């Protein structure tokens, strides 16, 4: 069994006054309003997107273990 690592991303800042690239990055992460959140798989591409908007988001890491169904 492999454990899929996930992260929860919370939007803490507004996109008002941000550059278009920042807005598109937040949309790509599935965010768009302050206090919204998404659980995403921890991949290098997601981490890169988070780095680009780190001033507008908060990240919590978590590990989920795959469960085996009988």
PDB file of N, CA and C in Angstrom:
ATOM      1  N   UNK A   1       0.837  -1.185   0.000  1.00  0.00           N
ATOM      2  CA  UNK A   1       0.000   0.000   0.000  1.00  0.00           C
ATOM      3  C   UNK A   1       0.880   1.246   0.000  1.00  0.00           C
ATOM      4  N   UNK A   2       0.516   2.197  -0.798  1.00  0.00           N
ATOM      5  CA  UNK A   2       1.253   3.449  -0.829  1.00  0.00           C
ATOM      6  C   UNK A   2       0.379   4.548  -0.230  1.00  0.00           C
ATOM      7  N   UNK A   3       1.014   5.441   0.475  1.00  0.00           N
ATOM      8  CA  UNK A   3       0.292   6.555   1.080  1.00  0.00           C
ATOM      9  C   UNK A   3       0.347   7.747   0.132  1.00  0.00           C
ATOM     10  N   UNK A   4      -0.805   8.293  -0.186  1.00  0.00           N
ATOM     11  CA  UNK A   4      -0.868   9.486  -1.031  1.00  0.00           C
ATOM     12  C   UNK A   4      -0.764  10.697  -0.114  1.00  0.00           C
ATOM     13  N   UNK A   5       0.189  11.538  -0.399  1.00  0.00           N
ATOM     14  CA  UNK A   5       0.366  12.726   0.405  1.00  0.00           C
ATOM     15  C   UNK A   5      -0.492  13.837  -0.166  1.00  0.00           C
ATOM     16  N   UNK A   6      -1.262  14.487   0.689  1.00  0.00           N
ATOM     17  CA  UNK A   6      -2.125  15.579   0.254  1.00  0.00           C
ATOM     18  C   UNK A   6      -1.824  16.818   1.081  1.00  0.00           C
ATOM     19  N   UNK A   7      -2.218  17.942   0.532  1.00  0.00           N
ATOM     20  CA  UNK A   7      -2.099  19.200   1.245  1.00  0.00           C
ATOM     21  C   UNK A   7      -3.431  19.933   1.145  1.00  0.00           C
ATOM     22  N   UNK A   8      -3.745  20.685   2.182  1.00  0.00           N
ATOM     23  CA  UNK A   8      -4.939  21.523   2.181  1.00  0.00           C
ATOM     24  C   UNK A   8      -4.479  22.963   2.012  1.00  0.00           C
ATOM     25  N   UNK A   9      -5.049  23.623   1.023  1.00  0.00           N
ATOM     26  CA  UNK A   9      -4.674  24.998   0.709  1.00  0.00           C
ATOM     27  C   UNK A   9      -5.863  25.899   1.036  1.00  0.00           C
ATOM     28  N   UNK A  10      -5.630  26.916   1.867  1.00  0.00           N
ATOM     29  CA  UNK A  10      -6.649  27.882   2.259  1.00  0.00           C
ATOM     30  C   UNK A  10      -6.296  29.236   1.665  1.00  0.00           C
ATOM     31  N   UNK A  11      -7.259  29.897   1.058  1.00  0.00           N
ATOM     32  CA  UNK A  11      -7.011  31.242   0.545  1.00  0.00           C
ATOM     33  C   UNK A  11      -7.245  32.233   1.674  1.00  0.00           C
ATOM     34  N   UNK A  12      -6.228  33.043   1.971  1.00  0.00           N
ATOM     35  CA  UNK A  12      -6.317  33.998   3.067  1.00  0.00           C
ATOM     36  C   UNK A  12      -6.360  35.446   2.592  1.00  0.00           C
ATOM     37  N   UNK A  13      -6.000  35.689   1.340  1.00  0.00           N
ATOM     38  CA  UNK A  13      -5.983  37.057   0.816  1.00  0.00           C
ATOM     39  C   UNK A  13      -6.873  37.208  -0.395  1.00  0.00           C
ATOM     40  N   UNK A  14      -7.231  38.435  -0.702  1.00  0.00           N
ATOM     41  CA  UNK A  14      -8.112  38.736  -1.820  1.00  0.00           C
ATOM     42  C   UNK A  14      -7.324  38.873  -3.124  1.00  0.00           C
ATOM     43  N   UNK A  15      -7.982  38.567  -4.242  1.00  0.00           N
ATOM     44  CA  UNK A  15      -7.331  38.717  -5.546  1.00  0.00           C
ATOM     45  C   UNK A  15      -7.501  40.125  -6.103  1.00  0.00           C
ATOM     46  N   UNK A  16      -8.227  40.974  -5.385  1.00  0.00           N
ATOM     47  CA  UNK A  16      -8.428  42.352  -5.824  1.00  0.00           C
ATOM     48  C   UNK A  16      -7.079  43.058  -5.920  1.00  0.00           C
ATOM     49  N   UNK A  17      -6.789  43.612  -7.076  1.00  0.00           N
ATOM     50  CA  UNK A  17      -5.555  44.346  -7.286  1.00  0.00           C
ATOM     51  C   UNK A  17      -4.358  43.483  -7.648  1.00  0.00           C
ATOM     52  N   UNK A  18      -4.558  42.180  -7.777  1.00  0.00           N
ATOM     53  CA  UNK A  18      -3.457  41.279  -8.134  1.00  0.00           C
ATOM     54  C   UNK A  18      -3.288  41.231  -9.647  1.00  0.00           C
ATOM     55  N   UNK A  19      -2.120  40.821 -10.082  1.00  0.00           N
ATOM     56  CA  UNK A  19      -1.853  40.683 -11.515  1.00  0.00           C
ATOM     57  C   UNK A  19      -2.652  39.507 -12.075  1.00  0.00           C
ATOM     58  N   UNK A  20      -2.942  39.527 -13.374  1.00  0.00           N
ATOM     59  CA  UNK A  20      -3.730  38.441 -13.978  1.00  0.00           C
ATOM     60  C   UNK A  20      -3.125  37.054 -13.771  1.00  0.00           C
ATOM     61  N   UNK A  21      -1.820  36.922 -13.786  1.00  0.00           N
ATOM     62  CA  UNK A  21      -1.188  35.622 -13.583  1.00  0.00           C
ATOM     63  C   UNK A  21      -1.474  35.041 -12.212  1.00  0.00           C
ATOM     64  N   UNK A  22      -1.555  35.902 -11.213  1.00  0.00           N
ATOM     65  CA  UNK A  22      -1.860  35.461  -9.848  1.00  0.00           C
ATOM     66  C   UNK A  22      -3.304  34.978  -9.785  1.00  0.00           C
ATOM     67  N   UNK A  23      -4.198  35.697 -10.415  1.00  0.00           N
ATOM     68  CA  UNK A  23      -5.611  35.298 -10.445  1.00  0.00           C
ATOM     69  C   UNK A  23      -5.771  33.932 -11.115  1.00  0.00           C
ATOM     70  N   UNK A  24      -5.081  33.734 -12.224  1.00  0.00           N
ATOM     71  CA  UNK A  24      -5.171  32.469 -12.955  1.00  0.00           C
ATOM     72  C   UNK A  24      -4.583  31.324 -12.137  1.00  0.00           C
ATOM     73  N   UNK A  25      -3.531  31.588 -11.396  1.00  0.00           N
ATOM     74  CA  UNK A  25      -2.925  30.554 -10.565  1.00  0.00           C
ATOM     75  C   UNK A  25      -3.880  30.134  -9.458  1.00  0.00           C
ATOM     76  N   UNK A  26      -4.545  31.084  -8.819  1.00  0.00           N
ATOM     77  CA  UNK A  26      -5.515  30.745  -7.781  1.00  0.00           C
ATOM     78  C   UNK A  26      -6.679  29.947  -8.367  1.00  0.00           C
ATOM     79  N   UNK A  27      -7.115  30.325  -9.558  1.00  0.00           N
ATOM     80  CA  UNK A  27      -8.186  29.577 -10.220  1.00  0.00           C
ATOM     81  C   UNK A  27      -7.722  28.160 -10.527  1.00  0.00           C
ATOM     82  N   UNK A  28      -6.481  28.006 -10.953  1.00  0.00           N
ATOM     83  CA  UNK A  28      -5.923  26.687 -11.237  1.00  0.00           C
ATOM     84  C   UNK A  28      -5.843  25.808  -9.998  1.00  0.00           C
ATOM     85  N   UNK A  29      -5.662  26.438  -8.844  1.00  0.00           N
ATOM     86  CA  UNK A  29      -5.653  25.688  -7.590  1.00  0.00           C
ATOM     87  C   UNK A  29      -7.072  25.386  -7.091  1.00  0.00           C
ATOM     88  N   UNK A  30      -8.066  25.962  -7.749  1.00  0.00           N
ATOM     89  CA  UNK A  30      -9.446  25.728  -7.353  1.00  0.00           C
ATOM     90  C   UNK A  30      -9.933  26.704  -6.303  1.00  0.00           C
ATOM     91  N   UNK A  31      -9.235  27.809  -6.155  1.00  0.00           N
ATOM     92  CA  UNK A  31      -9.609  28.820  -5.174  1.00  0.00           C
ATOM     93  C   UNK A  31     -10.133  30.047  -5.904  1.00  0.00           C
ATOM     94  N   UNK A  32     -10.783  30.943  -5.196  1.00  0.00           N
ATOM     95  CA  UNK A  32     -11.283  32.135  -5.843  1.00  0.00           C
ATOM     96  C   UNK A  32     -11.864  33.140  -4.873  1.00  0.00           C
ATOM     97  N   UNK A  33     -12.181  32.696  -3.669  1.00  0.00           N
ATOM     98  CA  UNK A  33     -12.728  33.590  -2.661  1.00  0.00           C
ATOM     99  C   UNK A  33     -11.936  33.433  -1.374  1.00  0.00           C
ATOM    100  N   UNK A  34     -11.873  34.482  -0.608  1.00  0.00           N
ATOM    101  CA  UNK A  34     -11.194  34.429   0.680  1.00  0.00           C
ATOM    102  C   UNK A  34     -11.903  33.389   1.556  1.00  0.00           C
ATOM    103  N   UNK A  35     -11.146  32.631   2.309  1.00  0.00           N
ATOM    104  CA  UNK A  35     -11.609  31.564   3.208  1.00  0.00           C
ATOM    105  C   UNK A  35     -12.040  30.295   2.476  1.00  0.00           C
ATOM    106  N   UNK A  36     -11.807  30.201   1.180  1.00  0.00           N
ATOM    107  CA  UNK A  36     -12.090  28.947   0.486  1.00  0.00           C
ATOM    108  C   UNK A  36     -10.895  28.020   0.666  1.00  0.00           C
ATOM    109  N   UNK A  37     -11.132  26.709   0.512  1.00  0.00           N
ATOM    110  CA  UNK A  37     -10.047  25.748   0.693  1.00  0.00           C
ATOM    111  C   UNK A  37     -10.220  24.585  -0.270  1.00  0.00           C
ATOM    112  N   UNK A  38      -9.121  23.892  -0.537  1.00  0.00           N
ATOM    113  CA  UNK A  38      -9.117  22.716  -1.400  1.00  0.00           C
ATOM    114  C   UNK A  38      -8.103  21.728  -0.861  1.00  0.00           C
ATOM    115  N   UNK A  39      -8.403  20.450  -0.988  1.00  0.00           N
ATOM    116  CA  UNK A  39      -7.452  19.397  -0.670  1.00  0.00           C
ATOM    117  C   UNK A  39      -6.879  18.926  -1.993  1.00  0.00           C
ATOM    118  N   UNK A  40      -5.555  19.044  -2.145  1.00  0.00           N
ATOM    119  CA  UNK A  40      -4.886  18.729  -3.396  1.00  0.00           C
ATOM    120  C   UNK A  40      -3.783  17.718  -3.172  1.00  0.00           C
ATOM    121  N   UNK A  41      -3.473  16.945  -4.206  1.00  0.00           N
ATOM    122  CA  UNK A  41      -2.355  16.014  -4.143  1.00  0.00           C
ATOM    123  C   UNK A  41      -1.050  16.810  -4.141  1.00  0.00           C
ATOM    124  N   UNK A  42      -0.106  16.375  -3.321  1.00  0.00           N
ATOM    125  CA  UNK A  42       1.161  17.087  -3.178  1.00  0.00           C
ATOM    126  C   UNK A  42       2.095  16.697  -4.325  1.00  0.00           C
ATOM    127  N   UNK A  43       2.110  17.520  -5.375  1.00  0.00           N
ATOM    128  CA  UNK A  43       2.967  17.285  -6.538  1.00  0.00           C
ATOM    129  C   UNK A  43       3.842  18.515  -6.756  1.00  0.00           C
ATOM    130  N   UNK A  44       4.931  18.372  -7.499  1.00  0.00           N
ATOM    131  CA  UNK A  44       5.779  19.531  -7.770  1.00  0.00           C
ATOM    132  C   UNK A  44       5.046  20.672  -8.482  1.00  0.00           C
ATOM    133  N   UNK A  45       4.124  20.356  -9.361  1.00  0.00           N
ATOM    134  CA  UNK A  45       3.407  21.413 -10.071  1.00  0.00           C
ATOM    135  C   UNK A  45       2.498  22.198  -9.125  1.00  0.00           C
ATOM    136  N   UNK A  46       1.840  21.511  -8.215  1.00  0.00           N
ATOM    137  CA  UNK A  46       0.991  22.195  -7.229  1.00  0.00           C
ATOM    138  C   UNK A  46       1.853  23.036  -6.297  1.00  0.00           C
ATOM    139  N   UNK A  47       2.997  22.506  -5.873  1.00  0.00           N
ATOM    140  CA  UNK A  47       3.904  23.261  -5.008  1.00  0.00           C
ATOM    141  C   UNK A  47       4.407  24.531  -5.705  1.00  0.00           C
ATOM    142  N   UNK A  48       4.671  24.449  -7.003  1.00  0.00           N
ATOM    143  CA  UNK A  48       5.101  25.618  -7.755  1.00  0.00           C
ATOM    144  C   UNK A  48       4.020  26.678  -7.826  1.00  0.00           C
ATOM    145  N   UNK A  49       2.778  26.247  -7.995  1.00  0.00           N
ATOM    146  CA  UNK A  49       1.668  27.185  -8.024  1.00  0.00           C
ATOM    147  C   UNK A  49       1.499  27.858  -6.666  1.00  0.00           C
ATOM    148  N   UNK A  50       1.663  27.086  -5.604  1.00  0.00           N
ATOM    149  CA  UNK A  50       1.546  27.639  -4.254  1.00  0.00           C
ATOM    150  C   UNK A  50       2.649  28.662  -4.007  1.00  0.00           C
ATOM    151  N   UNK A  51       3.857  28.382  -4.483  1.00  0.00           N
ATOM    152  CA  UNK A  51       4.965  29.319  -4.318  1.00  0.00           C
ATOM    153  C   UNK A  51       4.662  30.649  -4.985  1.00  0.00           C
ATOM    154  N   UNK A  52       3.996  30.603  -6.119  1.00  0.00           N
ATOM    155  CA  UNK A  52       3.667  31.829  -6.852  1.00  0.00           C
ATOM    156  C   UNK A  52       2.665  32.707  -6.100  1.00  0.00           C
ATOM    157  N   UNK A  53       1.775  32.089  -5.321  1.00  0.00           N
ATOM    158  CA  UNK A  53       0.737  32.849  -4.607  1.00  0.00           C
ATOM    159  C   UNK A  53       0.871  32.701  -3.091  1.00  0.00           C
ATOM    160  N   UNK A  54       2.093  32.497  -2.605  1.00  0.00           N
ATOM    161  CA  UNK A  54       2.303  32.223  -1.189  1.00  0.00           C
ATOM    162  C   UNK A  54       1.853  33.363  -0.281  1.00  0.00           C
ATOM    163  N   UNK A  55       1.753  34.570  -0.811  1.00  0.00           N
ATOM    164  CA  UNK A  55       1.297  35.701  -0.016  1.00  0.00           C
ATOM    165  C   UNK A  55      -0.222  35.734   0.142  1.00  0.00           C
ATOM    166  N   UNK A  56      -0.922  34.846  -0.549  1.00  0.00           N
ATOM    167  CA  UNK A  56      -2.390  34.818  -0.485  1.00  0.00           C
ATOM    168  C   UNK A  56      -2.952  33.517   0.072  1.00  0.00           C
ATOM    169  N   UNK A  57      -2.106  32.530   0.362  1.00  0.00           N
ATOM    170  CA  UNK A  57      -2.603  31.219   0.800  1.00  0.00           C
ATOM    171  C   UNK A  57      -1.884  30.740   2.056  1.00  0.00           C
ATOM    172  N   UNK A  58      -2.524  29.782   2.726  1.00  0.00           N
ATOM    173  CA  UNK A  58      -1.943  29.066   3.859  1.00  0.00           C
ATOM    174  C   UNK A  58      -2.046  27.585   3.534  1.00  0.00           C
ATOM    175  N   UNK A  59      -0.994  26.816   3.865  1.00  0.00           N
ATOM    176  CA  UNK A  59      -0.933  25.403   3.501  1.00  0.00           C
ATOM    177  C   UNK A  59      -0.800  24.540   4.743  1.00  0.00           C
ATOM    178  N   UNK A  60      -1.587  23.456   4.797  1.00  0.00           N
ATOM    179  CA  UNK A  60      -1.461  22.455   5.850  1.00  0.00           C
ATOM    180  C   UNK A  60      -1.192  21.119   5.177  1.00  0.00           C
ATOM    181  N   UNK A  61      -0.167  20.426   5.643  1.00  0.00           N
ATOM    182  CA  UNK A  61       0.184  19.133   5.065  1.00  0.00           C
ATOM    183  C   UNK A  61      -0.474  18.009   5.850  1.00  0.00           C
ATOM    184  N   UNK A  62      -0.849  16.962   5.159  1.00  0.00           N
ATOM    185  CA  UNK A  62      -1.431  15.788   5.802  1.00  0.00           C
ATOM    186  C   UNK A  62      -1.122  14.562   4.961  1.00  0.00           C
ATOM    187  N   UNK A  63      -1.076  13.418   5.607  1.00  0.00           N
ATOM    188  CA  UNK A  63      -0.830  12.166   4.905  1.00  0.00           C
ATOM    189  C   UNK A  63      -2.023  11.254   5.117  1.00  0.00           C
ATOM    190  N   UNK A  64      -2.576  10.769   4.027  1.00  0.00           N
ATOM    191  CA  UNK A  64      -3.685   9.825   4.106  1.00  0.00           C
ATOM    192  C   UNK A  64      -3.176   8.451   3.724  1.00  0.00           C
ATOM    193  N   UNK A  65      -3.507   7.478   4.525  1.00  0.00           N
ATOM    194  CA  UNK A  65      -3.126   6.123   4.198  1.00  0.00           C
ATOM    195  C   UNK A  65      -4.228   5.479   3.383  1.00  0.00           C
ATOM    196  N   UNK A  66      -3.820   4.752   2.358  1.00  0.00           N
ATOM    197  CA  UNK A  66      -4.792   4.048   1.534  1.00  0.00           C
ATOM    198  C   UNK A  66      -5.375   2.905   2.351  1.00  0.00           C
ATOM    199  N   UNK A  67      -6.690   2.779   2.311  1.00  0.00           N
ATOM    200  CA  UNK A  67      -7.329   1.708   3.059  1.00  0.00           C
ATOM    201  C   UNK A  67      -7.619   0.548   2.122  1.00  0.00           C
ATOM    202  N   UNK A  68      -7.457  -0.633   2.633  1.00  0.00           N
ATOM    203  CA  UNK A  68      -7.705  -1.832   1.849  1.00  0.00           C
ATOM    204  C   UNK A  68      -9.098  -2.325   2.145  1.00  0.00           C
ATOM    205  N   UNK A  69      -9.908  -2.464   1.097  1.00  0.00           N
ATOM    206  CA  UNK A  69     -11.274  -2.936   1.273  1.00  0.00           C
ATOM    207  C   UNK A  69     -11.316  -4.439   1.087  1.00  0.00           C
ATOM    208  N   UNK A  70     -12.072  -5.076   1.933  1.00  0.00           N
ATOM    209  CA  UNK A  70     -12.170  -6.534   1.889  1.00  0.00           C
ATOM    210  C   UNK A  70     -13.153  -6.998   0.860  1.00  0.00           C
TER     211      UNK A  70
END
